[in-house]
């Protein structure tokens, strides 16, 4: 089977998350903290059965979607051109969700690191990985920077996604600042990511206009 290794890793991440929940389930409180605000305080909870297995179930659903959705893309042949890195990114997302799930379990077991600082490097890795993905993405409807202008013009797609690759990598590296300044960890994650998205969106439109396609 093609892509056996990344798929094995993706499935392993989901399985480990589920097994971890089953092992610690008796020690979890009746209500699990599952959401945190910008100040790091808990602002949302779930019942033990739901909270213990929600993220593993979500990860399984997301992974299934990521694996089968390329089949339905009108330009699926283009996806095959970068399918290898797409598969690795999908597997990496499962480990990211598994990491988030581990933090949830630890918090509810009494081990409580600063959530923002703990998430910052993981989100940074996702952003950097997304940069690697879009760097090689060919025009499609599933993966990459999909603005009205990139979807209308393949040249705009190529230039926008290559520029987005750099912006996302920088945002990913910037997110590591959350480790150094835990109290501002959310800002180190959110602000660079939003700036990258805004910049790439505007860049896409500008390139489209300069090509005289409007």
Protein backbone atom coordinates (compact mmCIF):
# COMPACT_ATOMS: atom_id res chain seq x y z
CA UNK A 1 0.00 0.00 0.00
CA UNK A 2 1.30 3.44 -0.90
CA UNK A 3 2.01 5.85 1.92
CA UNK A 4 2.01 3.01 4.45
CA UNK A 5 4.43 4.72 6.80
CA UNK A 6 2.66 8.07 7.29
CA UNK A 7 -0.71 6.33 7.54
CA UNK A 8 0.61 3.93 10.15
CA UNK A 9 1.88 6.90 12.15
CA UNK A 10 -1.40 8.74 11.80
CA UNK A 11 -3.43 5.75 12.95
CA UNK A 12 -0.98 5.15 15.80
CA UNK A 13 -1.50 8.69 17.08
CA UNK A 14 -5.28 8.22 17.15
CA UNK A 15 -5.01 4.80 18.77
CA UNK A 16 -2.62 6.03 21.46
CA UNK A 17 -4.95 8.92 22.28
CA UNK A 18 -7.85 6.54 22.71
CA UNK A 19 -5.82 4.06 24.76
CA UNK A 20 -4.54 6.84 27.02
CA UNK A 21 -8.11 7.92 27.72
CA UNK A 22 -9.15 4.37 28.53
CA UNK A 23 -6.22 3.86 30.90
CA UNK A 24 -6.72 7.05 32.93
CA UNK A 25 -10.52 7.13 32.65
CA UNK A 26 -11.19 5.96 36.23
CA UNK A 27 -8.98 8.75 37.59
CA UNK A 28 -10.60 11.57 35.61
CA UNK A 29 -13.08 13.93 37.29
CA UNK A 30 -16.79 13.86 36.47
CA UNK A 31 -16.39 17.13 34.55
CA UNK A 32 -13.30 17.65 32.41
CA UNK A 33 -11.79 21.02 31.62
CA UNK A 34 -11.61 21.10 27.82
CA UNK A 35 -11.45 24.78 26.87
CA UNK A 36 -9.22 27.60 28.01
CA UNK A 37 -9.52 31.35 27.52
CA UNK A 38 -6.85 33.78 26.40
CA UNK A 39 -5.91 34.29 30.04
CA UNK A 40 -5.21 30.59 30.45
CA UNK A 41 -8.25 30.04 32.64
CA UNK A 42 -10.74 27.24 32.07
CA UNK A 43 -13.88 28.44 30.30
CA UNK A 44 -15.45 25.20 29.13
CA UNK A 45 -16.00 21.66 30.37
CA UNK A 46 -17.38 18.32 29.17
CA UNK A 47 -18.70 15.30 30.98
CA UNK A 48 -16.13 12.57 31.58
CA UNK A 49 -17.34 10.18 28.83
CA UNK A 50 -17.47 12.94 26.23
CA UNK A 51 -14.35 14.79 27.29
CA UNK A 52 -12.24 11.64 27.49
CA UNK A 53 -12.96 10.47 23.97
CA UNK A 54 -14.01 13.56 22.03
CA UNK A 55 -10.59 14.44 20.65
CA UNK A 56 -9.65 10.89 19.62
CA UNK A 57 -13.00 10.60 17.81
CA UNK A 58 -12.54 14.02 16.22
CA UNK A 59 -9.03 13.06 15.10
CA UNK A 60 -10.33 9.87 13.50
CA UNK A 61 -12.99 11.81 11.61
CA UNK A 62 -10.57 14.50 10.46
CA UNK A 63 -8.02 11.92 9.35
CA UNK A 64 -10.60 9.96 7.38
CA UNK A 65 -11.72 13.16 5.67
CA UNK A 66 -8.15 14.16 4.82
CA UNK A 67 -7.45 10.76 3.29
CA UNK A 68 -10.59 10.39 1.17
CA UNK A 69 -11.32 13.99 0.13
CA UNK A 70 -8.64 14.10 -2.61
CA UNK A 71 -10.58 11.41 -4.48
CA UNK A 72 -13.40 13.86 -5.06
CA UNK A 73 -11.28 16.82 -6.12
CA UNK A 74 -11.86 17.72 -9.80
CA UNK A 75 -8.10 18.27 -10.01
CA UNK A 76 -7.05 15.21 -8.06
CA UNK A 77 -4.23 14.51 -10.50
CA UNK A 78 -2.55 17.66 -9.25
CA UNK A 79 -2.82 16.43 -5.67
CA UNK A 80 -0.93 13.28 -6.63
CA UNK A 81 2.01 15.52 -7.54
CA UNK A 82 2.47 16.39 -3.86
CA UNK A 83 0.56 13.53 -2.26
CA UNK A 84 3.58 12.35 -0.31
CA UNK A 85 3.97 15.53 1.74
CA UNK A 86 0.18 15.78 2.02
CA UNK A 87 0.10 12.34 3.65
CA UNK A 88 2.87 13.29 6.08
CA UNK A 89 1.11 16.54 6.95
CA UNK A 90 -2.14 14.66 7.61
CA UNK A 91 -0.30 12.24 9.90
CA UNK A 92 1.38 15.17 11.64
CA UNK A 93 -2.01 16.73 12.30
CA UNK A 94 -3.05 13.56 14.11
CA UNK A 95 -0.02 13.82 16.37
CA UNK A 96 -0.86 17.46 16.99
CA UNK A 97 -4.40 16.53 18.05
CA UNK A 98 -2.96 13.70 20.13
CA UNK A 99 -0.66 16.18 21.86
CA UNK A 100 -3.57 18.49 22.60
CA UNK A 101 -5.49 15.53 23.98
CA UNK A 102 -2.55 14.61 26.20
CA UNK A 103 -2.54 18.14 27.62
CA UNK A 104 -6.26 17.87 28.36
CA UNK A 105 -5.79 14.57 30.17
CA UNK A 106 -2.79 15.82 32.14
CA UNK A 107 -4.60 18.97 33.20
CA UNK A 108 -7.54 16.98 34.49
CA UNK A 109 -5.21 14.61 36.32
CA UNK A 110 -3.65 17.53 38.18
CA UNK A 111 -0.58 18.18 36.01
CA UNK A 112 -1.20 21.73 34.86
CA UNK A 113 1.38 23.44 32.64
CA UNK A 114 0.59 26.88 31.21
CA UNK A 115 -1.69 25.90 28.34
CA UNK A 116 -0.62 28.70 26.01
CA UNK A 117 3.08 27.98 26.41
CA UNK A 118 2.49 24.24 26.08
CA UNK A 119 0.54 24.66 22.86
CA UNK A 120 2.83 27.25 21.26
CA UNK A 121 5.53 24.86 19.93
CA UNK A 122 2.92 22.39 18.66
CA UNK A 123 1.00 25.08 16.80
CA UNK A 124 4.30 26.43 15.52
CA UNK A 125 5.11 23.00 14.11
CA UNK A 126 1.71 22.85 12.39
CA UNK A 127 2.25 26.27 10.82
CA UNK A 128 5.73 25.34 9.65
CA UNK A 129 4.43 22.04 8.28
CA UNK A 130 1.67 23.90 6.46
CA UNK A 131 4.38 26.05 4.90
CA UNK A 132 6.16 22.95 3.63
CA UNK A 133 2.86 21.65 2.24
CA UNK A 134 1.77 24.75 0.34
CA UNK A 135 5.29 25.18 -0.99
CA UNK A 136 4.72 22.11 -3.15
CA UNK A 137 0.96 22.26 -3.61
CA UNK A 138 -0.33 22.26 -7.17
CA UNK A 139 -3.70 23.86 -8.02
CA UNK A 140 -6.55 21.95 -6.37
CA UNK A 141 -9.61 22.41 -4.17
CA UNK A 142 -8.41 20.54 -1.07
CA UNK A 143 -4.99 21.70 0.09
CA UNK A 144 -3.18 24.99 -0.34
CA UNK A 145 -4.05 28.68 -0.29
CA UNK A 146 -7.46 28.76 -1.95
CA UNK A 147 -8.61 32.30 -2.61
CA UNK A 148 -10.95 33.28 -5.45
CA UNK A 149 -7.90 34.48 -7.35
CA UNK A 150 -5.68 31.43 -6.91
CA UNK A 151 -8.54 29.15 -7.92
CA UNK A 152 -9.14 31.20 -11.05
CA UNK A 153 -5.54 31.44 -12.25
CA UNK A 154 -2.87 28.75 -11.91
CA UNK A 155 -0.05 31.27 -12.10
CA UNK A 156 -1.56 33.22 -9.22
CA UNK A 157 -1.89 29.93 -7.34
CA UNK A 158 1.78 29.12 -7.79
CA UNK A 159 3.06 32.55 -6.80
CA UNK A 160 0.68 32.89 -3.86
CA UNK A 161 1.40 29.46 -2.41
CA UNK A 162 5.14 29.90 -2.72
CA UNK A 163 4.90 33.22 -0.91
CA UNK A 164 2.55 31.69 1.67
CA UNK A 165 5.11 28.96 2.35
CA UNK A 166 7.58 31.55 3.60
CA UNK A 167 4.96 33.45 5.59
CA UNK A 168 3.71 30.30 7.33
CA UNK A 169 7.22 29.11 8.16
CA UNK A 170 8.02 32.48 9.72
CA UNK A 171 4.76 32.37 11.70
CA UNK A 172 5.65 28.88 12.89
CA UNK A 173 9.06 29.96 14.10
CA UNK A 174 7.58 33.06 15.75
CA UNK A 175 5.17 30.86 17.71
CA UNK A 176 8.15 29.43 19.59
CA UNK A 177 8.37 32.78 21.34
CA UNK A 178 5.50 31.55 23.46
CA UNK A 179 7.96 29.27 25.22
CA UNK A 180 10.11 32.23 26.20
CA UNK A 181 7.23 34.48 27.27
CA UNK A 182 4.50 32.16 28.58
CA UNK A 183 2.21 35.03 29.60
CA UNK A 184 2.14 36.21 25.98
CA UNK A 185 2.14 32.77 24.36
CA UNK A 186 -1.24 33.27 22.68
CA UNK A 187 -0.05 36.51 21.09
CA UNK A 188 3.06 34.79 19.71
CA UNK A 189 0.82 32.18 18.10
CA UNK A 190 -2.19 34.18 16.93
CA UNK A 191 -0.68 37.46 15.75
CA UNK A 192 1.93 36.02 13.32
CA UNK A 193 -0.63 33.54 11.96
CA UNK A 194 -3.22 36.27 11.33
CA UNK A 195 -0.62 38.52 9.74
CA UNK A 196 0.47 35.68 7.46
CA UNK A 197 -3.11 35.00 6.36
CA UNK A 198 -3.85 38.68 5.77
CA UNK A 199 -0.62 39.23 3.85
CA UNK A 200 -1.10 36.19 1.63
CA UNK A 201 -4.72 37.10 0.87
CA UNK A 202 -3.79 40.62 -0.19
CA UNK A 203 -0.78 39.35 -2.12
CA UNK A 204 -2.99 36.92 -4.01
CA UNK A 205 -5.34 39.69 -5.09
CA UNK A 206 -2.51 42.03 -6.08
CA UNK A 207 -0.87 39.36 -8.26
CA UNK A 208 -4.24 38.63 -9.87
CA UNK A 209 -4.79 42.29 -10.69
CA UNK A 210 -1.29 42.74 -12.06
CA UNK A 211 -1.84 39.85 -14.42
CA UNK A 212 -4.68 41.81 -15.93
CA UNK A 213 -7.26 39.10 -15.33
CA UNK A 214 -9.89 41.57 -14.12
